[in-house]
């Protein structure tokens, strides 16, 4: 009897000790919770410090001034919030119907915020961003990111502690229920479940066939037209609907100009630090022909013909954004070196997308050189409100007759598209023959014949 009493006393003492241990564990976990909840309160003080440190100088970034013919443009953001930029670094680009304009950072710093979204239409002198010029302070986005990470970590730890408390409370109940569940299951059912395998052959075949269908599917992609592309389409259709276009053709023997270029190319480069090309010969020849035939340089304005006493030649240049036509001003006063230098400058600007709208305003005559792409023949479209356009093409060796003999010569086809409302066929043919004469023998330019 005494042994039974002693066993009951030992069992009672062990139960009390177990309960005390659990109570102590729960109390300790609550202490950890209280301690961590105290640490999470300090995040508000961190936010106050961030706000105090963010009282720094900011610089506004604005869009540049547009020309009178341009009302608005579509902005494309090239940087993100938090990016560090240097002075004069391009952070955004505005695409207008005539050119792409770069927006550069006025100072070095960090982009704090964008006031416009990518693809928005903006006007001149619009605030688009704020630039943080203090390099010692992190961007606001980084501070917010650090605070959010700290809060997330706090929530994770709190969630882990709660799970630990629940685990302590239900530990014994889980053990009892699992023991009774296993004992209640028949042995043959447990064996079949443990020994079964999933047959995945059918889903694998289905996945493979689906991939083949996706790879073999016919698809299409829609891309929104840029403002420049839309404007080009409108002007080309305007020319087709307005002008009575007609094209006359001729061919030019390039033998003399090729020999002239080979003979003086090195001296020209040493003197002017630029290469001598064929475009300068055609532009100068066109300017002289326009002086001889002023009607080609004129335009129609309602019921009047406007004669321009200056020659501004537009040179069509292909760029990544589309076809652009920078204008060479007062070409009648320029020599070969001046023309080549201007062409080189416009070419660099077109590659860098830095052509200004002022570079493409105006123009009394246009030259398009499809020969750089290997074009053999073509009919260019007039650039309104101009009255004519010259199309150059590739240089190819062809058999031609010269002094009663058949010879192989480097030849180029040229095409002149003109507005028949203002130009008669005679004027157009004589004008193109003048260009042919001046290119084949440039000495006639100086002789004025």
Protein backbone atom coordinates (compact mmCIF):
# COMPACT_ATOMS: atom_id res chain seq x y z
CA UNK A 1 0.00 0.00 0.00
CA UNK A 2 2.79 2.37 0.84
CA UNK A 3 4.42 1.59 -2.50
CA UNK A 4 1.26 2.62 -4.36
CA UNK A 5 1.10 5.92 -2.46
CA UNK A 6 4.75 6.57 -3.19
CA UNK A 7 4.25 5.95 -6.93
CA UNK A 8 1.25 8.33 -7.01
CA UNK A 9 3.33 11.02 -5.26
CA UNK A 10 6.17 10.68 -7.78
CA UNK A 11 3.73 10.86 -10.72
CA UNK A 12 2.12 14.02 -9.24
CA UNK A 13 5.48 15.75 -8.73
CA UNK A 14 6.60 14.97 -12.30
CA UNK A 15 3.36 16.44 -13.70
CA UNK A 16 3.85 19.63 -11.70
CA UNK A 17 7.46 19.92 -12.95
CA UNK A 18 6.35 19.51 -16.58
CA UNK A 19 3.67 22.17 -16.18
CA UNK A 20 6.16 24.56 -14.61
CA UNK A 21 8.59 24.01 -17.49
CA UNK A 22 5.86 24.79 -20.06
CA UNK A 23 4.71 27.85 -18.17
CA UNK A 24 8.28 29.08 -17.95
CA UNK A 25 8.77 28.55 -21.72
CA UNK A 26 5.59 30.45 -22.58
CA UNK A 27 6.56 33.24 -20.19
CA UNK A 28 9.99 33.46 -21.79
CA UNK A 29 8.47 33.61 -25.28
CA UNK A 30 6.17 36.43 -24.19
CA UNK A 31 9.17 38.24 -22.83
CA UNK A 32 10.85 37.91 -26.23
CA UNK A 33 7.69 39.23 -27.88
CA UNK A 34 7.55 42.23 -25.60
CA UNK A 35 11.23 42.90 -26.18
CA UNK A 36 10.86 42.69 -29.97
CA UNK A 37 7.70 44.78 -29.97
CA UNK A 38 9.72 47.45 -28.18
CA UNK A 39 12.37 47.29 -30.91
CA UNK A 40 9.77 47.65 -33.68
CA UNK A 41 8.58 50.91 -32.15
CA UNK A 42 11.95 52.42 -32.93
CA UNK A 43 11.23 52.29 -36.68
CA UNK A 44 9.15 55.43 -36.36
CA UNK A 45 12.18 57.26 -35.04
CA UNK A 46 14.15 55.96 -38.03
CA UNK A 47 11.49 57.36 -40.36
CA UNK A 48 11.74 60.74 -38.60
CA UNK A 49 15.51 60.69 -39.07
CA UNK A 50 15.07 59.88 -42.76
CA UNK A 51 12.65 62.77 -43.17
CA UNK A 52 15.07 65.10 -41.39
CA UNK A 53 18.00 64.00 -43.54
CA UNK A 54 15.96 64.42 -46.73
CA UNK A 55 15.70 68.18 -46.29
CA UNK A 56 18.23 68.78 -49.07
CA UNK A 57 18.52 70.80 -52.24
CA UNK A 58 16.65 69.47 -55.27
CA UNK A 59 16.87 70.64 -58.87
CA UNK A 60 13.88 70.65 -61.22
CA UNK A 61 14.33 69.08 -64.65
CA UNK A 62 12.26 70.70 -67.42
CA UNK A 63 11.55 70.01 -71.05
CA UNK A 64 13.32 72.27 -73.58
CA UNK A 65 11.62 74.93 -75.65
CA UNK A 66 9.97 73.75 -78.88
CA UNK A 67 9.84 75.51 -82.19
CA UNK A 68 6.67 77.35 -83.18
CA UNK A 69 5.56 74.51 -85.46
CA UNK A 70 5.70 71.90 -82.66
CA UNK A 71 3.01 71.88 -79.96
CA UNK A 72 3.83 68.76 -77.93
CA UNK A 73 5.80 65.53 -77.91
CA UNK A 74 5.80 62.05 -76.38
CA UNK A 75 8.30 61.51 -73.57
CA UNK A 76 10.33 58.33 -73.14
CA UNK A 77 12.08 57.89 -69.79
CA UNK A 78 15.61 56.49 -70.10
CA UNK A 79 16.38 56.39 -66.35
CA UNK A 80 14.62 55.13 -63.21
CA UNK A 81 13.99 56.67 -59.81
CA UNK A 82 17.12 56.25 -57.70
CA UNK A 83 19.55 56.23 -60.66
CA UNK A 84 22.60 58.43 -60.31
CA UNK A 85 23.32 60.68 -63.29
CA UNK A 86 26.14 63.01 -64.21
CA UNK A 87 25.81 66.56 -65.50
CA UNK A 88 24.45 66.77 -69.07
CA UNK A 89 23.60 63.05 -69.09
CA UNK A 90 20.44 62.22 -71.03
CA UNK A 91 17.64 61.08 -68.70
CA UNK A 92 14.68 61.26 -71.08
CA UNK A 93 13.80 61.77 -74.73
CA UNK A 94 10.94 63.67 -76.34
CA UNK A 95 9.71 62.42 -79.69
CA UNK A 96 8.00 65.03 -81.80
CA UNK A 97 6.66 64.79 -85.33
CA UNK A 98 9.92 66.24 -86.66
CA UNK A 99 12.75 65.15 -84.38
CA UNK A 100 13.75 63.49 -81.12
CA UNK A 101 14.84 65.93 -78.40
CA UNK A 102 17.07 64.90 -75.50
CA UNK A 103 16.47 66.05 -71.91
CA UNK A 104 19.76 66.24 -70.02
CA UNK A 105 20.41 66.47 -66.30
CA UNK A 106 21.34 70.07 -65.36
CA UNK A 107 23.59 68.84 -62.53
CA UNK A 108 25.03 65.61 -61.20
CA UNK A 109 22.86 63.83 -58.66
CA UNK A 110 20.23 61.18 -58.04
CA UNK A 111 16.78 61.07 -59.60
CA UNK A 112 14.38 61.54 -56.70
CA UNK A 113 11.04 61.39 -58.52
CA UNK A 114 9.51 61.55 -61.99
CA UNK A 115 6.54 63.87 -62.36
CA UNK A 116 5.41 62.30 -65.65
CA UNK A 117 4.94 58.72 -66.81
CA UNK A 118 6.63 57.04 -69.72
CA UNK A 119 4.63 57.72 -72.89
CA UNK A 120 2.91 60.88 -71.65
CA UNK A 121 2.50 63.88 -73.95
CA UNK A 122 4.40 66.92 -72.71
CA UNK A 123 4.74 70.53 -73.81
CA UNK A 124 7.64 72.97 -73.64
CA UNK A 125 9.05 74.00 -70.23
CA UNK A 126 7.23 71.21 -68.35
CA UNK A 127 8.56 69.90 -65.02
CA UNK A 128 9.31 66.20 -65.53
CA UNK A 129 11.59 65.22 -62.62
CA UNK A 130 13.33 66.28 -59.45
CA UNK A 131 17.07 65.72 -59.06
CA UNK A 132 18.70 65.19 -55.66
CA UNK A 133 22.12 66.89 -55.82
CA UNK A 134 23.34 65.63 -52.41
CA UNK A 135 25.39 62.49 -53.06
CA UNK A 136 25.72 61.64 -49.33
CA UNK A 137 22.00 60.97 -48.87
CA UNK A 138 20.42 57.78 -50.18
CA UNK A 139 17.41 58.07 -52.44
CA UNK A 140 14.02 58.06 -50.76
CA UNK A 141 13.22 54.74 -52.43
CA UNK A 142 16.22 53.09 -50.74
CA UNK A 143 15.24 54.39 -47.30
CA UNK A 144 11.69 53.16 -47.76
CA UNK A 145 13.04 49.83 -48.93
CA UNK A 146 15.23 49.47 -45.81
CA UNK A 147 12.32 50.33 -43.51
CA UNK A 148 10.01 47.92 -45.28
CA UNK A 149 12.59 45.11 -44.99
CA UNK A 150 12.96 45.82 -41.27
CA UNK A 151 9.19 45.66 -40.78
CA UNK A 152 8.94 42.44 -42.77
CA UNK A 153 11.66 40.84 -40.60
CA UNK A 154 9.77 41.89 -37.47
CA UNK A 155 6.58 40.31 -38.75
CA UNK A 156 8.42 37.10 -39.62
CA UNK A 157 9.96 36.80 -36.13
CA UNK A 158 6.61 37.56 -34.47
CA UNK A 159 4.91 34.95 -36.61
CA UNK A 160 7.60 32.39 -35.72
CA UNK A 161 7.17 33.06 -31.99
CA UNK A 162 3.40 32.64 -32.24
CA UNK A 163 3.86 29.34 -34.01
CA UNK A 164 6.24 28.17 -31.28
CA UNK A 165 3.67 28.97 -28.57
CA UNK A 166 0.94 27.09 -30.41
CA UNK A 167 3.27 24.17 -30.94
CA UNK A 168 4.00 23.93 -27.22
CA UNK A 169 0.28 23.99 -26.37
CA UNK A 170 -0.83 21.29 -28.81
CA UNK A 171 2.19 19.03 -28.72
CA UNK A 172 0.71 16.32 -26.51
CA UNK A 173 -2.69 16.48 -28.18
CA UNK A 174 -1.03 15.97 -31.59
CA UNK A 175 0.92 12.97 -30.32
CA UNK A 176 -2.18 11.29 -28.92
CA UNK A 177 -4.28 11.91 -32.04
CA UNK A 178 -1.56 10.66 -34.38
CA UNK A 179 -1.09 7.49 -32.34
CA UNK A 180 -4.79 6.70 -32.33
CA UNK A 181 -5.09 7.47 -36.09
CA UNK A 182 -2.29 5.11 -37.07
CA UNK A 183 -3.64 2.31 -34.91
CA UNK A 184 -7.12 2.68 -36.41
CA UNK A 185 -5.96 2.19 -40.03
CA UNK A 186 -5.92 -1.38 -41.41
CA UNK A 187 -2.44 -2.67 -42.20
CA UNK A 188 -3.22 -3.56 -45.81
CA UNK A 189 -4.34 0.04 -46.56
CA UNK A 190 -1.14 1.49 -45.12
CA UNK A 191 0.93 -0.92 -47.17
CA UNK A 192 -0.83 -0.06 -50.44
CA UNK A 193 -0.46 3.68 -49.90
CA UNK A 194 3.21 3.44 -49.00
CA UNK A 195 4.05 1.19 -51.91
CA UNK A 196 2.07 3.02 -54.64
CA UNK A 197 3.78 5.11 -57.38
CA UNK A 198 2.33 7.98 -59.43
CA UNK A 199 2.19 7.43 -63.19
CA UNK A 200 3.33 10.68 -64.78
CA UNK A 201 3.73 9.50 -68.34
CA UNK A 202 0.45 10.98 -69.60
CA UNK A 203 1.02 14.53 -68.23
CA UNK A 204 4.57 14.53 -69.63
CA UNK A 205 3.33 13.74 -73.12
CA UNK A 206 0.66 16.43 -72.82
CA UNK A 207 3.23 19.02 -71.79
CA UNK A 208 5.48 18.17 -74.74
CA UNK A 209 2.63 18.44 -77.26
CA UNK A 210 1.56 21.76 -75.75
CA UNK A 211 5.08 23.18 -76.14
CA UNK A 212 5.14 22.09 -79.79
CA UNK A 213 1.80 23.80 -80.42
CA UNK A 214 3.04 27.03 -78.85
CA UNK A 215 6.30 27.00 -80.83
CA UNK A 216 4.49 26.28 -84.08
CA UNK A 217 1.72 28.85 -83.48
CA UNK A 218 1.40 31.77 -85.91
CA UNK A 219 1.46 35.09 -84.08
CA UNK A 220 1.56 38.82 -84.73
CA UNK A 221 2.66 41.88 -82.79
CA UNK A 222 1.10 45.34 -82.80
CA UNK A 223 3.40 48.32 -82.17
CA UNK A 224 2.16 51.88 -81.77
CA UNK A 225 3.45 54.24 -84.47
CA UNK A 226 5.79 56.97 -83.29
CA UNK A 227 4.85 60.60 -83.74
CA UNK A 228 7.60 61.02 -86.31
CA UNK A 229 6.37 58.02 -88.31
CA UNK A 230 2.79 59.32 -88.18
CA UNK A 231 3.95 62.76 -89.36
CA UNK A 232 6.00 61.26 -92.20
CA UNK A 233 2.97 59.26 -93.35
CA UNK A 234 0.75 62.35 -93.23
CA UNK A 235 3.19 64.46 -95.26
CA UNK A 236 3.74 61.78 -97.88
CA UNK A 237 0.00 61.35 -98.32
CA UNK A 238 -0.39 65.14 -98.42
CA UNK A 239 2.16 65.30 -101.24
CA UNK A 240 0.33 62.57 -103.14
CA UNK A 241 -3.05 64.25 -102.74
CA UNK A 242 -1.90 67.82 -103.41
CA UNK A 243 0.88 67.73 -105.99
CA UNK A 244 0.57 66.71 -109.63
CA UNK A 245 3.76 64.63 -109.44
CA UNK A 246 5.66 63.57 -112.51
CA UNK A 247 9.17 62.06 -112.75
CA UNK A 248 11.83 62.51 -115.43
CA UNK A 249 15.04 60.43 -115.61
CA UNK A 250 18.58 60.67 -116.83
CA UNK A 251 21.92 58.95 -116.32
CA UNK A 252 25.28 60.39 -115.28
CA UNK A 253 28.71 59.13 -116.24
CA UNK A 254 30.63 59.13 -112.94
CA UNK A 255 34.08 58.54 -114.50
CA UNK A 256 35.33 62.14 -114.16
CA UNK A 257 34.05 62.73 -110.62
CA UNK A 258 35.55 59.40 -109.45
CA UNK A 259 38.91 60.34 -110.98
CA UNK A 260 38.63 63.84 -109.49
CA UNK A 261 37.95 62.35 -106.04
CA UNK A 262 40.87 59.92 -106.21
CA UNK A 263 43.26 62.65 -107.28
CA UNK A 264 42.43 65.20 -104.59
CA UNK A 265 41.03 63.07 -101.72
CA UNK A 266 44.27 63.00 -99.69
CA UNK A 267 45.03 66.70 -100.14
CA UNK A 268 41.42 67.57 -99.29
CA UNK A 269 41.56 65.52 -96.09
CA UNK A 270 44.88 67.04 -94.99
CA UNK A 271 43.56 70.55 -95.54
CA UNK A 272 40.02 70.25 -94.16
CA UNK A 273 40.21 67.11 -91.92
CA UNK A 274 37.12 65.64 -93.61
CA UNK A 275 36.67 63.16 -96.44
CA UNK A 276 35.64 64.19 -99.94
CA UNK A 277 32.45 62.41 -101.05
CA UNK A 278 30.04 62.47 -103.96
CA UNK A 279 27.25 64.32 -102.13
CA UNK A 280 29.12 67.63 -102.19
CA UNK A 281 29.38 67.44 -105.99
CA UNK A 282 25.64 66.77 -106.39
CA UNK A 283 24.58 69.42 -103.86
CA UNK A 284 26.78 72.07 -105.45
CA UNK A 285 25.59 71.08 -108.93
CA UNK A 286 21.95 71.29 -107.78
CA UNK A 287 22.53 74.74 -106.25
CA UNK A 288 24.02 76.03 -109.51
CA UNK A 289 21.18 74.49 -111.51
CA UNK A 290 18.63 76.14 -109.21
CA UNK A 291 20.28 79.51 -109.83
CA UNK A 292 19.95 78.89 -113.55
CA UNK A 293 16.33 77.68 -113.21
CA UNK A 294 14.67 79.71 -110.41
CA UNK A 295 11.22 78.27 -111.12
CA UNK A 296 12.35 74.94 -109.61
CA UNK A 297 13.20 76.82 -106.40
CA UNK A 298 9.74 78.41 -106.23
CA UNK A 299 6.56 77.20 -104.48
CA UNK A 300 2.82 77.61 -104.91
CA UNK A 301 1.00 79.58 -102.20
CA UNK A 302 -2.73 79.46 -102.96
CA UNK A 303 -3.03 81.40 -106.27
CA UNK A 304 0.48 82.85 -106.20
CA UNK A 305 3.97 81.63 -107.09
CA UNK A 306 6.61 82.54 -104.49
CA UNK A 307 10.17 82.83 -105.80
CA UNK A 308 12.86 82.31 -103.12
CA UNK A 309 16.10 84.21 -103.68
CA UNK A 310 18.07 81.84 -101.48
CA UNK A 311 18.85 78.15 -101.83
CA UNK A 312 18.34 75.85 -98.84
CA UNK A 313 18.80 72.20 -99.77
CA UNK A 314 17.29 69.46 -97.62
CA UNK A 315 19.35 66.27 -97.50
CA UNK A 316 17.37 63.15 -96.63
CA UNK A 317 19.20 61.11 -93.97
CA UNK A 318 18.09 57.75 -92.55
CA UNK A 319 18.17 57.52 -88.75
CA UNK A 320 17.04 54.99 -86.14
CA UNK A 321 13.84 57.03 -85.65
CA UNK A 322 12.98 57.35 -89.33
CA UNK A 323 13.77 59.57 -92.29
CA UNK A 324 14.98 63.06 -91.33
CA UNK A 325 15.84 65.95 -93.65
CA UNK A 326 18.33 68.45 -92.19
CA UNK A 327 18.70 71.63 -94.23
CA UNK A 328 21.89 73.19 -95.59
CA UNK A 329 21.36 76.97 -95.65
CA UNK A 330 22.55 79.29 -98.43
CA UNK A 331 24.22 76.52 -100.43
CA UNK A 332 24.84 78.86 -103.36
CA UNK A 333 27.55 80.52 -101.20
CA UNK A 334 29.20 77.27 -100.07
CA UNK A 335 32.14 75.38 -101.55
CA UNK A 336 32.84 71.63 -101.46
CA UNK A 337 34.54 71.81 -98.06
CA UNK A 338 31.69 73.76 -96.47
CA UNK A 339 29.15 71.28 -97.82
CA UNK A 340 31.08 68.19 -96.65
CA UNK A 341 31.57 69.72 -93.20
CA UNK A 342 27.85 70.46 -92.84
CA UNK A 343 26.88 66.96 -94.05
CA UNK A 344 29.31 65.38 -91.57
CA UNK A 345 27.86 67.40 -88.67
CA UNK A 346 24.29 66.48 -89.57
CA UNK A 347 25.27 62.83 -89.93
CA UNK A 348 26.73 62.75 -86.41
CA UNK A 349 23.64 64.44 -84.99
CA UNK A 350 21.36 61.95 -86.74
CA UNK A 351 23.30 59.00 -85.27
CA UNK A 352 23.10 60.49 -81.77
CA UNK A 353 19.44 61.54 -82.17
CA UNK A 354 20.45 65.11 -81.37
CA UNK A 355 19.08 66.87 -84.44
CA UNK A 356 17.22 70.00 -83.40
CA UNK A 357 13.93 70.99 -84.99
CA UNK A 358 15.58 74.16 -86.28
CA UNK A 359 17.99 71.97 -88.27
CA UNK A 360 15.09 70.62 -90.33
CA UNK A 361 12.88 73.68 -90.76
CA UNK A 362 12.48 75.12 -94.24
CA UNK A 363 14.24 73.93 -97.36
CA UNK A 364 13.62 74.87 -100.99
CA UNK A 365 14.85 71.67 -102.68
CA UNK A 366 15.54 68.10 -101.51
CA UNK A 367 18.12 65.47 -102.46
CA UNK A 368 17.58 61.81 -101.53
CA UNK A 369 20.47 59.37 -101.96
CA UNK A 370 19.18 55.81 -102.15
CA UNK A 371 22.45 54.71 -103.70
CA UNK A 372 24.03 54.21 -100.28
CA UNK A 373 21.65 51.25 -99.86
CA UNK A 374 22.34 49.87 -103.35
CA UNK A 375 19.25 51.28 -105.08
CA UNK A 376 19.31 51.00 -108.87
CA UNK A 377 16.22 52.98 -109.77
CA UNK A 378 13.35 54.76 -108.05
CA UNK A 379 10.92 57.67 -108.06
CA UNK A 380 11.19 59.93 -104.99
CA UNK A 381 8.19 61.75 -103.49
CA UNK A 382 8.14 65.54 -103.19
CA UNK A 383 8.67 67.08 -99.78
CA UNK A 384 5.82 69.67 -99.51
CA UNK A 385 5.64 72.58 -100.02
CA UNK A 386 8.71 72.21 -102.25
CA UNK A 387 8.27 71.79 -105.98
CA UNK A 388 10.90 69.16 -106.81
CA UNK A 389 13.18 66.47 -105.41
CA UNK A 390 16.29 64.80 -106.85
CA UNK A 391 16.80 61.06 -106.38
CA UNK A 392 20.33 59.64 -106.55
CA UNK A 393 20.97 55.93 -107.00
CA UNK A 394 23.79 53.41 -106.97
CA UNK A 395 26.88 53.53 -109.21
CA UNK A 396 27.13 50.45 -111.41
CA UNK A 397 29.38 49.58 -114.34
CA UNK A 398 27.41 49.42 -117.56
CA UNK A 399 28.29 49.29 -121.24
CA UNK A 400 27.78 52.69 -122.90
CA UNK A 401 28.72 54.20 -126.24
CA UNK A 402 31.42 56.89 -126.26
CA UNK A 403 32.80 58.38 -129.50
CA UNK A 404 31.36 55.50 -131.49
CA UNK A 405 32.85 52.85 -129.16
CA UNK A 406 31.26 50.62 -126.55
CA UNK A 407 32.96 51.08 -123.17
CA UNK A 408 32.32 50.01 -119.60
CA UNK A 409 31.67 53.10 -117.49
CA UNK A 410 30.50 53.70 -113.89
CA UNK A 411 26.97 55.01 -114.38
CA UNK A 412 24.27 56.36 -112.08
CA UNK A 413 20.59 56.80 -112.79
CA UNK A 414 19.07 60.03 -111.44
CA UNK A 415 15.39 60.90 -111.13
CA UNK A 416 13.69 64.28 -110.73
CA UNK A 417 10.15 64.26 -109.38
CA UNK A 418 8.44 67.63 -109.80
CA UNK A 419 5.08 69.30 -109.28
CA UNK A 420 3.54 69.65 -112.73
CA UNK A 421 1.29 72.45 -111.44
CA UNK A 422 4.25 74.84 -111.36
CA UNK A 423 6.88 73.13 -113.55
CA UNK A 424 6.45 72.27 -117.19
CA UNK A 425 8.18 69.22 -118.62
CA UNK A 426 10.68 71.39 -120.49
CA UNK A 427 11.84 73.16 -117.33
CA UNK A 428 12.24 69.88 -115.45
CA UNK A 429 14.22 68.17 -118.21
CA UNK A 430 16.56 71.17 -118.69
CA UNK A 431 17.11 71.39 -114.94
CA UNK A 432 18.10 67.72 -114.66
CA UNK A 433 20.40 68.05 -117.68
CA UNK A 434 22.16 70.97 -115.95
CA UNK A 435 22.81 68.79 -112.90
CA UNK A 436 24.17 66.06 -115.18
CA UNK A 437 26.49 68.56 -116.87
CA UNK A 438 27.86 70.04 -113.62
CA UNK A 439 28.52 66.61 -112.08
CA UNK A 440 30.18 65.08 -115.14
CA UNK A 441 32.42 68.13 -115.66
CA UNK A 442 32.63 70.45 -112.63
CA UNK A 443 34.84 72.88 -114.59
CA UNK A 444 31.70 74.20 -116.30
CA UNK A 445 30.55 75.57 -112.91
CA UNK A 446 33.49 77.97 -112.79
CA UNK A 447 33.10 78.88 -116.44
CA UNK A 448 29.38 79.63 -115.86
CA UNK A 449 28.31 77.85 -119.03
